[in-house]
Amino acid sequence: MWAPTASAHPDHVALGRFGQLIISDGDNNRLLVVNKPLSNTTANAVIGQPNFTSNTPTTTASGLAGPKGIKVDGSGNLYVTDEDNNRLLRFNKAE
């Protein structure tokens, strides 16, 4: 299933510094961010794609191809294993 603000294949989830739910959506080559997961189930932001309707794998600095594991550290930095690109990415202060 594919929808702009829904996950096709959720692999992992993490909580951001301010309670956001971050979902790795490997089949759509992106992360989805839900700002208030207890009251809202629609994604508010996308990471790894230029918008909610794109899902092309990319090797750019901010693009993703098959993201899997995600983790937010105590400082708020977001770490993503970008499986198809064989790399680990860090996004500063995931807010």
N, C-alpha and C. Protein backbone atom coordinates (compact mmCIF):
# COMPACT_ATOMS: atom_id res chain seq x y z
N MET A 1 0.83 -1.18 0.00
CA MET A 1 0.00 0.00 0.00
C MET A 1 0.87 1.24 0.00
N TRP A 2 0.52 2.21 -0.82
CA TRP A 2 1.25 3.47 -0.83
C TRP A 2 0.27 4.62 -0.72
N ALA A 3 0.57 5.53 0.14
CA ALA A 3 -0.20 6.76 0.27
C ALA A 3 0.77 7.85 0.71
N PRO A 4 0.53 9.09 0.32
CA PRO A 4 1.49 10.15 0.62
C PRO A 4 1.90 10.26 2.08
N THR A 5 0.96 10.13 3.00
CA THR A 5 1.31 10.31 4.41
C THR A 5 1.18 9.02 5.21
N ALA A 6 1.06 7.88 4.52
CA ALA A 6 1.00 6.58 5.19
C ALA A 6 2.23 5.77 4.83
N SER A 7 2.61 4.87 5.69
CA SER A 7 3.79 4.05 5.47
C SER A 7 3.43 2.79 4.70
N ALA A 8 4.23 2.46 3.68
CA ALA A 8 4.01 1.26 2.89
C ALA A 8 4.59 0.04 3.59
N HIS A 9 5.71 0.22 4.25
CA HIS A 9 6.40 -0.90 4.89
C HIS A 9 7.18 -0.36 6.09
N PRO A 10 6.51 -0.13 7.21
CA PRO A 10 7.23 0.40 8.36
C PRO A 10 8.22 -0.62 8.90
N ASP A 11 9.47 -0.20 9.00
CA ASP A 11 10.53 -1.09 9.48
C ASP A 11 10.84 -0.88 10.96
N HIS A 12 11.03 0.37 11.35
CA HIS A 12 11.38 0.72 12.72
C HIS A 12 10.72 2.03 13.10
N VAL A 13 10.64 2.26 14.39
CA VAL A 13 10.12 3.53 14.90
C VAL A 13 11.05 4.05 15.99
N ALA A 14 11.03 5.35 16.18
CA ALA A 14 11.79 5.99 17.25
C ALA A 14 10.99 7.20 17.71
N LEU A 15 11.29 7.65 18.92
CA LEU A 15 10.67 8.86 19.45
C LEU A 15 11.67 10.00 19.40
N GLY A 16 11.23 11.15 18.89
CA GLY A 16 12.06 12.34 18.84
C GLY A 16 12.13 13.01 20.19
N ARG A 17 12.92 14.04 20.30
CA ARG A 17 13.12 14.77 21.56
C ARG A 17 11.84 15.31 22.15
N PHE A 18 10.90 15.65 21.29
CA PHE A 18 9.67 16.29 21.77
C PHE A 18 8.46 15.38 21.60
N GLY A 19 8.70 14.07 21.56
CA GLY A 19 7.61 13.10 21.50
C GLY A 19 7.11 12.76 20.12
N GLN A 20 7.78 13.25 19.08
CA GLN A 20 7.36 12.90 17.73
C GLN A 20 7.62 11.42 17.48
N LEU A 21 6.78 10.81 16.69
CA LEU A 21 6.97 9.43 16.26
C LEU A 21 7.64 9.47 14.89
N ILE A 22 8.81 8.84 14.78
CA ILE A 22 9.55 8.80 13.53
C ILE A 22 9.49 7.36 13.03
N ILE A 23 9.04 7.17 11.80
CA ILE A 23 8.82 5.85 11.23
C ILE A 23 9.70 5.68 10.01
N SER A 24 10.51 4.60 9.97
CA SER A 24 11.27 4.33 8.75
C SER A 24 10.37 3.56 7.79
N ASP A 25 10.21 4.09 6.60
CA ASP A 25 9.34 3.55 5.56
C ASP A 25 10.23 3.11 4.40
N GLY A 26 10.83 1.92 4.56
CA GLY A 26 11.84 1.44 3.63
C GLY A 26 11.39 1.33 2.19
N ASP A 27 10.17 0.87 1.95
CA ASP A 27 9.70 0.71 0.57
C ASP A 27 9.49 2.03 -0.15
N ASN A 28 9.28 3.10 0.60
CA ASN A 28 9.11 4.42 0.00
C ASN A 28 10.36 5.29 0.15
N ASN A 29 11.46 4.70 0.65
CA ASN A 29 12.75 5.39 0.73
C ASN A 29 12.66 6.70 1.51
N ARG A 30 12.01 6.63 2.68
CA ARG A 30 11.81 7.85 3.45
C ARG A 30 11.55 7.54 4.92
N LEU A 31 11.58 8.59 5.72
CA LEU A 31 11.12 8.55 7.10
C LEU A 31 9.90 9.45 7.18
N LEU A 32 8.93 9.04 7.95
CA LEU A 32 7.75 9.87 8.21
C LEU A 32 7.80 10.34 9.65
N VAL A 33 7.42 11.58 9.89
CA VAL A 33 7.41 12.15 11.24
C VAL A 33 5.98 12.56 11.58
N VAL A 34 5.49 12.02 12.69
CA VAL A 34 4.17 12.39 13.20
C VAL A 34 4.40 13.20 14.47
N ASN A 35 4.04 14.48 14.44
CA ASN A 35 4.35 15.37 15.57
C ASN A 35 3.62 15.02 16.85
N LYS A 36 2.36 14.67 16.78
CA LYS A 36 1.56 14.35 17.97
C LYS A 36 0.89 13.00 17.78
N PRO A 37 1.65 11.91 17.95
CA PRO A 37 1.12 10.59 17.62
C PRO A 37 -0.06 10.14 18.47
N LEU A 38 -0.26 10.72 19.63
CA LEU A 38 -1.39 10.31 20.47
C LEU A 38 -2.71 10.93 20.00
N SER A 39 -2.63 12.02 19.25
CA SER A 39 -3.86 12.67 18.79
C SER A 39 -3.94 12.79 17.27
N ASN A 40 -2.88 12.40 16.56
CA ASN A 40 -2.83 12.57 15.12
C ASN A 40 -2.11 11.38 14.50
N THR A 41 -2.68 10.77 13.49
CA THR A 41 -2.02 9.63 12.84
C THR A 41 -1.50 9.99 11.46
N THR A 42 -1.58 11.24 11.07
CA THR A 42 -1.11 11.69 9.77
C THR A 42 0.30 12.26 9.91
N ALA A 43 1.18 11.89 8.99
CA ALA A 43 2.55 12.41 9.02
C ALA A 43 2.56 13.91 8.78
N ASN A 44 3.43 14.60 9.53
CA ASN A 44 3.58 16.04 9.40
C ASN A 44 4.81 16.42 8.60
N ALA A 45 5.78 15.51 8.51
CA ALA A 45 7.02 15.80 7.79
C ALA A 45 7.56 14.52 7.17
N VAL A 46 8.38 14.71 6.15
CA VAL A 46 9.03 13.59 5.48
C VAL A 46 10.53 13.88 5.41
N ILE A 47 11.35 12.86 5.62
CA ILE A 47 12.80 12.97 5.53
C ILE A 47 13.27 11.96 4.49
N GLY A 48 14.16 12.38 3.60
CA GLY A 48 14.71 11.48 2.60
C GLY A 48 14.08 11.62 1.23
N GLN A 49 13.00 12.37 1.14
CA GLN A 49 12.33 12.66 -0.13
C GLN A 49 11.98 14.15 -0.16
N PRO A 50 11.86 14.74 -1.34
CA PRO A 50 11.56 16.17 -1.41
C PRO A 50 10.14 16.53 -1.00
N ASN A 51 9.24 15.52 -1.00
CA ASN A 51 7.84 15.77 -0.65
C ASN A 51 7.18 14.43 -0.32
N PHE A 52 5.91 14.47 0.03
CA PHE A 52 5.20 13.26 0.43
C PHE A 52 4.87 12.34 -0.75
N THR A 53 4.89 12.84 -1.97
CA THR A 53 4.48 12.02 -3.11
C THR A 53 5.64 11.36 -3.84
N SER A 54 6.87 11.74 -3.53
CA SER A 54 8.05 11.12 -4.15
C SER A 54 8.48 9.90 -3.35
N ASN A 55 9.02 8.90 -4.04
CA ASN A 55 9.56 7.73 -3.33
C ASN A 55 10.74 7.12 -4.07
N THR A 56 11.45 7.93 -4.85
CA THR A 56 12.60 7.47 -5.62
C THR A 56 13.82 7.31 -4.73
N PRO A 57 14.49 6.14 -4.79
CA PRO A 57 15.73 5.99 -4.01
C PRO A 57 16.79 6.94 -4.53
N THR A 58 17.57 7.51 -3.63
CA THR A 58 18.58 8.48 -4.03
C THR A 58 19.83 8.34 -3.16
N THR A 59 20.95 8.79 -3.69
CA THR A 59 22.21 8.74 -2.95
C THR A 59 22.68 10.13 -2.54
N THR A 60 21.82 11.12 -2.60
CA THR A 60 22.20 12.47 -2.18
C THR A 60 22.43 12.51 -0.67
N ALA A 61 22.99 13.60 -0.21
CA ALA A 61 23.30 13.72 1.22
C ALA A 61 22.05 13.62 2.10
N SER A 62 20.92 14.10 1.61
CA SER A 62 19.70 14.06 2.41
C SER A 62 18.69 13.04 1.90
N GLY A 63 19.03 12.31 0.83
CA GLY A 63 18.12 11.31 0.28
C GLY A 63 18.35 9.94 0.89
N LEU A 64 17.37 9.07 0.73
CA LEU A 64 17.44 7.73 1.31
C LEU A 64 17.09 6.67 0.27
N ALA A 65 17.61 5.48 0.48
CA ALA A 65 17.29 4.32 -0.35
C ALA A 65 17.19 3.10 0.57
N GLY A 66 15.99 2.78 0.97
CA GLY A 66 15.78 1.63 1.84
C GLY A 66 16.18 1.86 3.28
N PRO A 67 15.75 2.98 3.90
CA PRO A 67 16.12 3.20 5.30
C PRO A 67 15.52 2.12 6.19
N LYS A 68 16.27 1.71 7.17
CA LYS A 68 15.80 0.67 8.10
C LYS A 68 15.85 1.18 9.53
N GLY A 69 16.96 0.92 10.23
CA GLY A 69 17.05 1.28 11.64
C GLY A 69 17.14 2.77 11.86
N ILE A 70 16.50 3.24 12.93
CA ILE A 70 16.56 4.65 13.29
C ILE A 70 16.72 4.78 14.80
N LYS A 71 17.41 5.83 15.20
CA LYS A 71 17.67 6.08 16.62
C LYS A 71 17.85 7.57 16.82
N VAL A 72 17.30 8.09 17.90
CA VAL A 72 17.52 9.48 18.28
C VAL A 72 18.34 9.46 19.56
N ASP A 73 19.48 10.18 19.57
CA ASP A 73 20.32 10.19 20.76
C ASP A 73 19.84 11.27 21.74
N GLY A 74 20.51 11.36 22.88
CA GLY A 74 20.12 12.29 23.93
C GLY A 74 20.20 13.75 23.54
N SER A 75 20.98 14.07 22.52
CA SER A 75 21.08 15.45 22.03
C SER A 75 20.06 15.76 20.96
N GLY A 76 19.31 14.75 20.52
CA GLY A 76 18.29 14.97 19.50
C GLY A 76 18.75 14.69 18.09
N ASN A 77 19.97 14.18 17.91
CA ASN A 77 20.44 13.82 16.58
C ASN A 77 19.76 12.53 16.14
N LEU A 78 19.37 12.47 14.88
CA LEU A 78 18.69 11.31 14.32
C LEU A 78 19.69 10.50 13.49
N TYR A 79 19.81 9.21 13.79
CA TYR A 79 20.69 8.31 13.05
C TYR A 79 19.83 7.34 12.25
N VAL A 80 20.21 7.13 10.98
CA VAL A 80 19.43 6.28 10.09
C VAL A 80 20.36 5.33 9.36
N THR A 81 20.06 4.03 9.39
CA THR A 81 20.80 3.10 8.54
C THR A 81 20.11 3.12 7.18
N ASP A 82 20.86 3.54 6.18
CA ASP A 82 20.37 3.66 4.80
C ASP A 82 20.85 2.42 4.06
N GLU A 83 20.10 1.34 4.19
CA GLU A 83 20.55 0.00 3.80
C GLU A 83 20.99 -0.12 2.35
N ASP A 84 20.18 0.36 1.41
CA ASP A 84 20.52 0.18 0.00
C ASP A 84 21.70 1.03 -0.45
N ASN A 85 22.04 2.06 0.32
CA ASN A 85 23.22 2.88 0.03
C ASN A 85 24.42 2.48 0.88
N ASN A 86 24.25 1.46 1.72
CA ASN A 86 25.35 0.96 2.56
C ASN A 86 26.01 2.07 3.39
N ARG A 87 25.17 2.82 4.10
CA ARG A 87 25.72 3.92 4.90
C ARG A 87 24.86 4.20 6.12
N LEU A 88 25.44 4.91 7.06
CA LEU A 88 24.75 5.40 8.25
C LEU A 88 24.74 6.92 8.16
N LEU A 89 23.56 7.51 8.28
CA LEU A 89 23.44 8.96 8.19
C LEU A 89 23.09 9.55 9.55
N ARG A 90 23.57 10.76 9.79
CA ARG A 90 23.19 11.50 10.99
C ARG A 90 22.55 12.81 10.55
N PHE A 91 21.35 13.05 11.06
CA PHE A 91 20.66 14.31 10.85
C PHE A 91 20.70 15.04 12.19
N ASN A 92 21.24 16.24 12.20
CA ASN A 92 21.40 16.99 13.44
C ASN A 92 20.07 17.39 14.05
N LYS A 93 19.97 17.21 15.34
CA LYS A 93 18.83 17.62 16.17
C LYS A 93 17.49 17.45 15.49
N ALA A 94 17.01 16.23 15.47
CA ALA A 94 15.70 15.92 14.89
C ALA A 94 14.61 16.57 15.73
N GLU A 95 14.03 17.62 15.22
CA GLU A 95 13.00 18.36 15.96
C GLU A 95 11.73 18.43 15.17
